[in-house]
Amino acid sequence: METGGMSLVQILGVINFMLLMFQLFSGQHWIQVKIGIHRKVGLALVATASLHGFLAILTAN
């Protein structure tokens, strides 16, 4: 599964890293965001991480 020369698993990995850094920075109050945005980004992180892991397992076999 490739999109533009990169695999979908790699793209999701990069997105997960960015979402994780946002969660870290907003949780430590290094950046100020409303709690609703922090919660929605956390849910997006769970969804993309689950998809990332599922696709990685599928492509590994």
Protein backbone atom coordinates (compact mmCIF):
# COMPACT_ATOMS: atom_id res chain seq x y z
CA MET A 1 0.00 0.00 0.00
CA GLU A 2 1.84 3.04 -1.25
CA THR A 3 0.76 6.62 -1.77
CA GLY A 4 3.13 9.01 -3.48
CA GLY A 5 6.17 6.80 -2.93
CA MET A 6 5.58 6.34 0.81
CA SER A 7 3.67 3.51 2.37
CA LEU A 8 0.44 4.27 4.19
CA VAL A 9 1.94 2.78 7.36
CA GLN A 10 4.80 5.30 7.24
CA ILE A 11 2.42 8.21 6.64
CA LEU A 12 0.27 7.16 9.59
CA GLY A 13 3.41 6.83 11.71
CA VAL A 14 4.39 10.43 10.95
CA ILE A 15 0.84 11.63 11.69
CA ASN A 16 0.87 9.69 14.97
CA PHE A 17 4.15 11.31 15.96
CA MET A 18 2.78 14.80 15.28
CA LEU A 19 -0.41 14.07 17.22
CA LEU A 20 1.61 12.63 20.09
CA MET A 21 3.84 15.73 20.26
CA PHE A 22 0.75 17.96 20.26
CA GLN A 23 -0.72 15.94 23.13
CA LEU A 24 2.55 16.19 25.07
CA PHE A 25 2.95 19.93 24.52
CA SER A 26 -0.67 20.77 25.32
CA GLY A 27 -0.70 18.43 28.32
CA GLN A 28 2.40 20.10 29.74
CA HIS A 29 0.81 23.52 28.99
CA TRP A 30 3.69 24.52 26.75
CA ILE A 31 0.98 25.48 24.27
CA GLN A 32 -2.44 26.64 25.43
CA VAL A 33 -5.45 24.90 23.91
CA LYS A 34 -8.95 24.25 25.16
CA ILE A 35 -9.55 20.89 26.83
CA GLY A 36 -12.04 19.96 24.10
CA ILE A 37 -9.38 20.24 21.41
CA HIS A 38 -6.93 18.24 23.54
CA ARG A 39 -9.56 15.51 23.98
CA LYS A 40 -10.47 15.39 20.26
CA VAL A 41 -6.82 15.16 19.24
CA GLY A 42 -6.39 12.33 21.74
CA LEU A 43 -9.27 10.44 20.14
CA ALA A 44 -7.78 11.05 16.70
CA LEU A 45 -4.47 9.70 18.00
CA VAL A 46 -6.13 6.51 19.23
CA ALA A 47 -7.88 6.03 15.89
CA THR A 48 -4.80 6.63 13.72
CA ALA A 49 -2.55 4.54 16.00
CA SER A 50 -5.00 1.64 15.82
CA LEU A 51 -5.18 1.89 12.03
CA HIS A 52 -1.38 2.22 11.85
CA GLY A 53 -0.88 -0.93 13.91
CA PHE A 54 -3.53 -2.90 12.05
CA LEU A 55 -2.06 -2.04 8.65
CA ALA A 56 1.47 -2.80 9.86
CA ILE A 57 0.37 -6.26 10.97
CA LEU A 58 -1.37 -6.87 7.65
CA THR A 59 1.62 -5.82 5.55
CA ALA A 60 4.15 -7.74 7.69
CA ASN A 61 2.71 -11.12 6.69
